[in-house]
PDB file of all heavy atoms in Angstrom:
ATOM      1  N   PRO A   1       0.831  -1.203   0.000  1.00  0.00           N
ATOM      2  CA  PRO A   1       0.000   0.000   0.000  1.00  0.00           C
ATOM      3  C   PRO A   1       0.865   1.252   0.000  1.00  0.00           C
ATOM      4  O   PRO A   1       2.106   1.168   0.069  1.00  0.00           O
ATOM      5  CB  PRO A   1      -0.788  -0.139   1.313  1.00  0.00           C
ATOM      6  CG  PRO A   1       0.120  -0.931   2.199  1.00  0.00           C
ATOM      7  CD  PRO A   1       0.823  -1.904   1.292  1.00  0.00           C
ATOM      8  N   ALA A   2       0.213   2.400  -0.032  1.00  0.00           N
ATOM      9  CA  ALA A   2       0.945   3.674  -0.111  1.00  0.00           C
ATOM     10  C   ALA A   2       1.917   3.863   1.045  1.00  0.00           C
ATOM     11  O   ALA A   2       2.976   4.476   0.879  1.00  0.00           O
ATOM     12  CB  ALA A   2      -0.056   4.828  -0.156  1.00  0.00           C
ATOM     13  N   GLN A   3       1.590   3.317   2.221  1.00  0.00           N
ATOM     14  CA  GLN A   3       2.452   3.503   3.383  1.00  0.00           C
ATOM     15  C   GLN A   3       3.811   2.836   3.213  1.00  0.00           C
ATOM     16  O   GLN A   3       4.766   3.146   3.927  1.00  0.00           O
ATOM     17  CB  GLN A   3       1.783   2.962   4.642  1.00  0.00           C
ATOM     18  CG  GLN A   3       1.681   1.437   4.676  1.00  0.00           C
ATOM     19  CD  GLN A   3       0.949   0.941   5.901  1.00  0.00           C
ATOM     20  OE1 GLN A   3      -0.128   1.436   6.220  1.00  0.00           O
ATOM     21  NE2 GLN A   3       1.522  -0.032   6.582  1.00  0.00           N
ATOM     22  N   ALA A   4       3.942   1.922   2.240  1.00  0.00           N
ATOM     23  CA  ALA A   4       5.228   1.267   1.987  1.00  0.00           C
ATOM     24  C   ALA A   4       6.266   2.244   1.453  1.00  0.00           C
ATOM     25  O   ALA A   4       7.453   1.920   1.403  1.00  0.00           O
ATOM     26  CB  ALA A   4       5.047   0.110   1.016  1.00  0.00           C
ATOM     27  N   GLU A   5       5.833   3.451   1.078  1.00  0.00           N
ATOM     28  CA  GLU A   5       6.785   4.475   0.662  1.00  0.00           C
ATOM     29  C   GLU A   5       7.775   4.786   1.776  1.00  0.00           C
ATOM     30  O   GLU A   5       8.910   5.174   1.512  1.00  0.00           O
ATOM     31  CB  GLU A   5       6.054   5.760   0.243  1.00  0.00           C
ATOM     32  CG  GLU A   5       5.505   5.738  -1.166  1.00  0.00           C
ATOM     33  CD  GLU A   5       5.168   7.129  -1.669  1.00  0.00           C
ATOM     34  OE1 GLU A   5       5.435   8.106  -0.923  1.00  0.00           O
ATOM     35  OE2 GLU A   5       4.647   7.241  -2.788  1.00  0.00           O
ATOM     36  N   THR A   6       7.347   4.610   3.020  1.00  0.00           N
ATOM     37  CA  THR A   6       8.233   4.867   4.151  1.00  0.00           C
ATOM     38  C   THR A   6       9.470   3.976   4.085  1.00  0.00           C
ATOM     39  O   THR A   6      10.597   4.424   4.300  1.00  0.00           O
ATOM     40  CB  THR A   6       7.499   4.622   5.484  1.00  0.00           C
ATOM     41  OG1 THR A   6       6.337   5.460   5.534  1.00  0.00           O
ATOM     42  CG2 THR A   6       8.396   4.928   6.666  1.00  0.00           C
ATOM     43  N   ALA A   7       9.262   2.696   3.785  1.00  0.00           N
ATOM     44  CA  ALA A   7      10.384   1.767   3.662  1.00  0.00           C
ATOM     45  C   ALA A   7      11.276   2.147   2.484  1.00  0.00           C
ATOM     46  O   ALA A   7      12.510   2.060   2.563  1.00  0.00           O
ATOM     47  CB  ALA A   7       9.865   0.342   3.500  1.00  0.00           C
ATOM     48  N   LEU A   8      10.665   2.574   1.383  1.00  0.00           N
ATOM     49  CA  LEU A   8      11.454   2.961   0.214  1.00  0.00           C
ATOM     50  C   LEU A   8      12.276   4.212   0.490  1.00  0.00           C
ATOM     51  O   LEU A   8      13.433   4.321   0.040  1.00  0.00           O
ATOM     52  CB  LEU A   8      10.526   3.189  -0.985  1.00  0.00           C
ATOM     53  CG  LEU A   8       9.812   1.944  -1.513  1.00  0.00           C
ATOM     54  CD1 LEU A   8       8.881   2.321  -2.673  1.00  0.00           C
ATOM     55  CD2 LEU A   8      10.814   0.884  -1.968  1.00  0.00           C
ATOM     56  N   LYS A   9      11.708   5.147   1.235  1.00  0.00           N
ATOM     57  CA  LYS A   9      12.469   6.351   1.581  1.00  0.00           C
ATOM     58  C   LYS A   9      13.655   6.013   2.472  1.00  0.00           C
ATOM     59  O   LYS A   9      14.724   6.617   2.357  1.00  0.00           O
ATOM     60  CB  LYS A   9      11.548   7.369   2.267  1.00  0.00           C
ATOM     61  CG  LYS A   9      10.570   8.044   1.320  1.00  0.00           C
ATOM     62  CD  LYS A   9       9.701   9.059   2.040  1.00  0.00           C
ATOM     63  CE  LYS A   9       8.741   9.735   1.055  1.00  0.00           C
ATOM     64  NZ  LYS A   9       7.849  10.713   1.727  1.00  0.00           N
ATOM     65  N   GLU A  10      13.474   5.051   3.363  1.00  0.00           N
ATOM     66  CA  GLU A  10      14.594   4.621   4.193  1.00  0.00           C
ATOM     67  C   GLU A  10      15.685   3.993   3.320  1.00  0.00           C
ATOM     68  O   GLU A  10      16.884   4.215   3.555  1.00  0.00           O
ATOM     69  CB  GLU A  10      14.135   3.619   5.251  1.00  0.00           C
ATOM     70  CG  GLU A  10      15.248   3.172   6.183  1.00  0.00           C
ATOM     71  CD  GLU A  10      14.779   2.237   7.283  1.00  0.00           C
ATOM     72  OE1 GLU A  10      13.557   2.066   7.441  1.00  0.00           O
ATOM     73  OE2 GLU A  10      15.652   1.678   7.977  1.00  0.00           O
ATOM     74  N   ALA A  11      15.273   3.210   2.313  1.00  0.00           N
ATOM     75  CA  ALA A  11      16.243   2.599   1.414  1.00  0.00           C
ATOM     76  C   ALA A  11      17.006   3.668   0.622  1.00  0.00           C
ATOM     77  O   ALA A  11      18.224   3.558   0.421  1.00  0.00           O
ATOM     78  CB  ALA A  11      15.539   1.638   0.461  1.00  0.00           C
ATOM     79  N   ILE A  12      16.294   4.702   0.189  1.00  0.00           N
ATOM     80  CA  ILE A  12      16.941   5.819  -0.503  1.00  0.00           C
ATOM     81  C   ILE A  12      17.920   6.517   0.431  1.00  0.00           C
ATOM     82  O   ILE A  12      19.043   6.866   0.055  1.00  0.00           O
ATOM     83  CB  ILE A  12      15.893   6.823  -1.016  1.00  0.00           C
ATOM     84  CG1 ILE A  12      15.033   6.195  -2.128  1.00  0.00           C
ATOM     85  CG2 ILE A  12      16.572   8.101  -1.515  1.00  0.00           C
ATOM     86  CD1 ILE A  12      15.759   5.923  -3.410  1.00  0.00           C
ATOM     87  N   ALA A  13      17.506   6.711   1.681  1.00  0.00           N
ATOM     88  CA  ALA A  13      18.366   7.372   2.659  1.00  0.00           C
ATOM     89  C   ALA A  13      19.626   6.565   2.944  1.00  0.00           C
ATOM     90  O   ALA A  13      20.677   7.123   3.271  1.00  0.00           O
ATOM     91  CB  ALA A  13      17.590   7.608   3.954  1.00  0.00           C
ATOM     92  N   MET A  14      19.534   5.256   2.797  1.00  0.00           N
ATOM     93  CA  MET A  14      20.705   4.402   3.006  1.00  0.00           C
ATOM     94  C   MET A  14      21.671   4.458   1.832  1.00  0.00           C
ATOM     95  O   MET A  14      22.847   4.115   1.975  1.00  0.00           O
ATOM     96  CB  MET A  14      20.260   2.956   3.249  1.00  0.00           C
ATOM     97  CG  MET A  14      19.572   2.732   4.587  1.00  0.00           C
ATOM     98  SD  MET A  14      18.895   1.053   4.756  1.00  0.00           S
ATOM     99  CE  MET A  14      20.409   0.069   4.769  1.00  0.00           C
ATOM    100  N   GLY A  15      21.166   4.863   0.649  1.00  0.00           N
ATOM    101  CA  GLY A  15      22.057   5.005  -0.493  1.00  0.00           C
ATOM    102  C   GLY A  15      21.534   4.501  -1.817  1.00  0.00           C
ATOM    103  O   GLY A  15      22.232   4.597  -2.838  1.00  0.00           O
ATOM    104  N   ALA A  16      20.321   3.949  -1.862  1.00  0.00           N
ATOM    105  CA  ALA A  16      19.751   3.494  -3.127  1.00  0.00           C
ATOM    106  C   ALA A  16      19.507   4.677  -4.055  1.00  0.00           C
ATOM    107  O   ALA A  16      19.279   5.808  -3.602  1.00  0.00           O
ATOM    108  CB  ALA A  16      18.452   2.737  -2.889  1.00  0.00           C
ATOM    109  N   ASP A  17      19.552   4.441  -5.360  1.00  0.00           N
ATOM    110  CA  ASP A  17      19.434   5.523  -6.337  1.00  0.00           C
ATOM    111  C   ASP A  17      17.993   5.859  -6.687  1.00  0.00           C
ATOM    112  O   ASP A  17      17.659   7.021  -6.918  1.00  0.00           O
ATOM    113  CB  ASP A  17      20.191   5.140  -7.617  1.00  0.00           C
ATOM    114  CG  ASP A  17      21.678   4.976  -7.363  1.00  0.00           C
ATOM    115  OD1 ASP A  17      22.332   5.984  -7.060  1.00  0.00           O
ATOM    116  OD2 ASP A  17      22.169   3.835  -7.448  1.00  0.00           O
ATOM    117  N   GLU A  18      17.140   4.848  -6.761  1.00  0.00           N
ATOM    118  CA  GLU A  18      15.736   5.093  -7.062  1.00  0.00           C
ATOM    119  C   GLU A  18      14.893   3.976  -6.474  1.00  0.00           C
ATOM    120  O   GLU A  18      15.410   2.929  -6.085  1.00  0.00           O
ATOM    121  CB  GLU A  18      15.505   5.201  -8.568  1.00  0.00           C
ATOM    122  CG  GLU A  18      15.831   3.945  -9.350  1.00  0.00           C
ATOM    123  CD  GLU A  18      15.602   4.121 -10.847  1.00  0.00           C
ATOM    124  OE1 GLU A  18      15.537   5.270 -11.316  1.00  0.00           O
ATOM    125  OE2 GLU A  18      15.487   3.099 -11.546  1.00  0.00           O
ATOM    126  N   ALA A  19      13.595   4.216  -6.415  1.00  0.00           N
ATOM    127  CA  ALA A  19      12.698   3.232  -5.801  1.00  0.00           C
ATOM    128  C   ALA A  19      11.388   3.191  -6.558  1.00  0.00           C
ATOM    129  O   ALA A  19      10.921   4.202  -7.098  1.00  0.00           O
ATOM    130  CB  ALA A  19      12.449   3.580  -4.338  1.00  0.00           C
ATOM    131  N   ILE A  20      10.801   1.991  -6.581  1.00  0.00           N
ATOM    132  CA  ILE A  20       9.535   1.786  -7.280  1.00  0.00           C
ATOM    133  C   ILE A  20       8.567   1.082  -6.338  1.00  0.00           C
ATOM    134  O   ILE A  20       8.907   0.053  -5.738  1.00  0.00           O
ATOM    135  CB  ILE A  20       9.724   0.944  -8.553  1.00  0.00           C
ATOM    136  CG1 ILE A  20      10.690   1.648  -9.508  1.00  0.00           C
ATOM    137  CG2 ILE A  20       8.379   0.678  -9.241  1.00  0.00           C
ATOM    138  CD1 ILE A  20      11.101   0.792 -10.699  1.00  0.00           C
ATOM    139  N   LEU A  21       7.381   1.630  -6.223  1.00  0.00           N
ATOM    140  CA  LEU A  21       6.326   1.040  -5.407  1.00  0.00           C
ATOM    141  C   LEU A  21       5.249   0.468  -6.314  1.00  0.00           C
ATOM    142  O   LEU A  21       4.611   1.199  -7.072  1.00  0.00           O
ATOM    143  CB  LEU A  21       5.713   2.091  -4.473  1.00  0.00           C
ATOM    144  CG  LEU A  21       4.446   1.685  -3.716  1.00  0.00           C
ATOM    145  CD1 LEU A  21       4.721   0.506  -2.793  1.00  0.00           C
ATOM    146  CD2 LEU A  21       3.875   2.865  -2.942  1.00  0.00           C
ATOM    147  N   LEU A  22       5.058  -0.852  -6.248  1.00  0.00           N
ATOM    148  CA  LEU A  22       3.945  -1.481  -6.957  1.00  0.00           C
ATOM    149  C   LEU A  22       2.740  -1.449  -6.025  1.00  0.00           C
ATOM    150  O   LEU A  22       2.733  -2.114  -4.985  1.00  0.00           O
ATOM    151  CB  LEU A  22       4.298  -2.927  -7.314  1.00  0.00           C
ATOM    152  CG  LEU A  22       5.505  -3.134  -8.229  1.00  0.00           C
ATOM    153  CD1 LEU A  22       5.721  -4.622  -8.476  1.00  0.00           C
ATOM    154  CD2 LEU A  22       5.335  -2.395  -9.551  1.00  0.00           C
ATOM    155  N   SER A  23       1.758  -0.664  -6.386  1.00  0.00           N
ATOM    156  CA  SER A  23       0.604  -0.497  -5.508  1.00  0.00           C
ATOM    157  C   SER A  23      -0.676  -0.490  -6.328  1.00  0.00           C
ATOM    158  O   SER A  23      -0.839   0.315  -7.248  1.00  0.00           O
ATOM    159  CB  SER A  23       0.725   0.822  -4.722  1.00  0.00           C
ATOM    160  OG  SER A  23      -0.263   0.917  -3.724  1.00  0.00           O
ATOM    161  N   ASP A  24      -1.561  -1.423  -6.005  1.00  0.00           N
ATOM    162  CA  ASP A  24      -2.792  -1.578  -6.772  1.00  0.00           C
ATOM    163  C   ASP A  24      -3.729  -2.463  -5.962  1.00  0.00           C
ATOM    164  O   ASP A  24      -3.290  -3.431  -5.334  1.00  0.00           O
ATOM    165  CB  ASP A  24      -2.480  -2.235  -8.125  1.00  0.00           C
ATOM    166  CG  ASP A  24      -3.608  -2.109  -9.137  1.00  0.00           C
ATOM    167  OD1 ASP A  24      -4.775  -2.363  -8.755  1.00  0.00           O
ATOM    168  OD2 ASP A  24      -3.320  -1.786 -10.308  1.00  0.00           O
ATOM    169  N   ARG A  25      -5.007  -2.156  -5.975  1.00  0.00           N
ATOM    170  CA  ARG A  25      -5.977  -2.992  -5.262  1.00  0.00           C
ATOM    171  C   ARG A  25      -5.991  -4.418  -5.818  1.00  0.00           C
ATOM    172  O   ARG A  25      -6.390  -5.357  -5.127  1.00  0.00           O
ATOM    173  CB  ARG A  25      -7.380  -2.382  -5.362  1.00  0.00           C
ATOM    174  CG  ARG A  25      -7.533  -1.055  -4.613  1.00  0.00           C
ATOM    175  CD  ARG A  25      -8.971  -0.571  -4.655  1.00  0.00           C
ATOM    176  NE  ARG A  25      -9.854  -1.485  -3.944  1.00  0.00           N
ATOM    177  CZ  ARG A  25     -10.081  -1.441  -2.639  1.00  0.00           C
ATOM    178  NH1 ARG A  25      -9.470  -0.542  -1.884  1.00  0.00           N
ATOM    179  NH2 ARG A  25     -10.915  -2.283  -2.076  1.00  0.00           N
ATOM    180  N   LYS A  26      -5.527  -4.582  -7.043  1.00  0.00           N
ATOM    181  CA  LYS A  26      -5.471  -5.913  -7.643  1.00  0.00           C
ATOM    182  C   LYS A  26      -4.455  -6.814  -6.941  1.00  0.00           C
ATOM    183  O   LYS A  26      -4.492  -8.032  -7.093  1.00  0.00           O
ATOM    184  CB  LYS A  26      -5.128  -5.808  -9.129  1.00  0.00           C
ATOM    185  CG  LYS A  26      -6.190  -5.096  -9.965  1.00  0.00           C
ATOM    186  CD  LYS A  26      -5.731  -4.922 -11.401  1.00  0.00           C
ATOM    187  CE  LYS A  26      -6.773  -4.162 -12.213  1.00  0.00           C
ATOM    188  NZ  LYS A  26      -6.313  -3.929 -13.618  1.00  0.00           N
ATOM    189  N   PHE A  27      -3.531  -6.212  -6.182  1.00  0.00           N
ATOM    190  CA  PHE A  27      -2.524  -6.997  -5.469  1.00  0.00           C
ATOM    191  C   PHE A  27      -3.016  -7.485  -4.103  1.00  0.00           C
ATOM    192  O   PHE A  27      -2.353  -8.302  -3.459  1.00  0.00           O
ATOM    193  CB  PHE A  27      -1.255  -6.172  -5.257  1.00  0.00           C
ATOM    194  CG  PHE A  27      -0.589  -5.713  -6.520  1.00  0.00           C
ATOM    195  CD1 PHE A  27      -0.010  -4.449  -6.591  1.00  0.00           C
ATOM    196  CD2 PHE A  27      -0.520  -6.526  -7.634  1.00  0.00           C
ATOM    197  CE1 PHE A  27       0.615  -4.017  -7.743  1.00  0.00           C
ATOM    198  CE2 PHE A  27       0.102  -6.105  -8.800  1.00  0.00           C
ATOM    199  CZ  PHE A  27       0.671  -4.839  -8.851  1.00  0.00           C
ATOM    200  N   ALA A  28      -4.158  -6.991  -3.645  1.00  0.00           N
ATOM    201  CA  ALA A  28      -4.622  -7.293  -2.293  1.00  0.00           C
ATOM    202  C   ALA A  28      -4.834  -8.789  -2.082  1.00  0.00           C
ATOM    203  O   ALA A  28      -5.419  -9.466  -2.939  1.00  0.00           O
ATOM    204  CB  ALA A  28      -5.920  -6.539  -2.008  1.00  0.00           C
ATOM    205  N   GLY A  29      -4.367  -9.298  -0.965  1.00  0.00           N
ATOM    206  CA  GLY A  29      -4.566 -10.702  -0.630  1.00  0.00           C
ATOM    207  C   GLY A  29      -3.585 -11.649  -1.288  1.00  0.00           C
ATOM    208  O   GLY A  29      -3.777 -12.862  -1.259  1.00  0.00           O
ATOM    209  N   SER A  30      -2.518 -11.117  -1.865  1.00  0.00           N
ATOM    210  CA  SER A  30      -1.563 -11.958  -2.597  1.00  0.00           C
ATOM    211  C   SER A  30      -0.798 -12.896  -1.668  1.00  0.00           C
ATOM    212  O   SER A  30      -0.329 -12.497  -0.606  1.00  0.00           O
ATOM    213  CB  SER A  30      -0.547 -11.082  -3.341  1.00  0.00           C
ATOM    214  OG  SER A  30      -1.151 -10.356  -4.386  1.00  0.00           O
ATOM    215  N   ASP A  31      -0.657 -14.163  -2.089  1.00  0.00           N
ATOM    216  CA  ASP A  31       0.245 -15.086  -1.401  1.00  0.00           C
ATOM    217  C   ASP A  31       1.615 -14.946  -2.050  1.00  0.00           C
ATOM    218  O   ASP A  31       1.876 -14.003  -2.824  1.00  0.00           O
ATOM    219  CB  ASP A  31      -0.285 -16.519  -1.456  1.00  0.00           C
ATOM    220  CG  ASP A  31      -0.283 -17.108  -2.868  1.00  0.00           C
ATOM    221  OD1 ASP A  31       0.018 -16.377  -3.835  1.00  0.00           O
ATOM    222  OD2 ASP A  31      -0.578 -18.311  -3.008  1.00  0.00           O
ATOM    223  N   THR A  32       2.534 -15.864  -1.775  1.00  0.00           N
ATOM    224  CA  THR A  32       3.884 -15.736  -2.321  1.00  0.00           C
ATOM    225  C   THR A  32       3.896 -15.830  -3.844  1.00  0.00           C
ATOM    226  O   THR A  32       4.670 -15.136  -4.508  1.00  0.00           O
ATOM    227  CB  THR A  32       4.814 -16.811  -1.731  1.00  0.00           C
ATOM    228  OG1 THR A  32       4.315 -18.123  -2.056  1.00  0.00           O
ATOM    229  CG2 THR A  32       4.906 -16.684  -0.224  1.00  0.00           C
ATOM    230  N   TRP A  33       3.050 -16.683  -4.409  1.00  0.00           N
ATOM    231  CA  TRP A  33       3.006 -16.830  -5.864  1.00  0.00           C
ATOM    232  C   TRP A  33       2.546 -15.542  -6.533  1.00  0.00           C
ATOM    233  O   TRP A  33       3.170 -15.073  -7.495  1.00  0.00           O
ATOM    234  CB  TRP A  33       2.086 -17.981  -6.257  1.00  0.00           C
ATOM    235  CG  TRP A  33       1.877 -18.104  -7.732  1.00  0.00           C
ATOM    236  CD1 TRP A  33       0.776 -17.708  -8.449  1.00  0.00           C
ATOM    237  CD2 TRP A  33       2.809 -18.625  -8.695  1.00  0.00           C
ATOM    238  NE1 TRP A  33       0.962 -17.965  -9.790  1.00  0.00           N
ATOM    239  CE2 TRP A  33       2.203 -18.530  -9.969  1.00  0.00           C
ATOM    240  CE3 TRP A  33       4.083 -19.169  -8.595  1.00  0.00           C
ATOM    241  CZ2 TRP A  33       2.838 -18.949 -11.131  1.00  0.00           C
ATOM    242  CZ3 TRP A  33       4.715 -19.591  -9.758  1.00  0.00           C
ATOM    243  CH2 TRP A  33       4.090 -19.473 -11.008  1.00  0.00           C
ATOM    244  N   ALA A  34       1.464 -14.979  -6.025  1.00  0.00           N
ATOM    245  CA  ALA A  34       0.941 -13.744  -6.606  1.00  0.00           C
ATOM    246  C   ALA A  34       1.910 -12.580  -6.379  1.00  0.00           C
ATOM    247  O   ALA A  34       2.087 -11.718  -7.250  1.00  0.00           O
ATOM    248  CB  ALA A  34      -0.426 -13.421  -6.009  1.00  0.00           C
TER     249      ALA A  34
END
């Protein structure tokens, strides 16, 4: 969800160059395969 941006910002702060958040209601309820 949108709140996962917090983790991505921490990754950027650690030194990553860019970040991508896959966020969509179609992803809701996904197991490991999905």
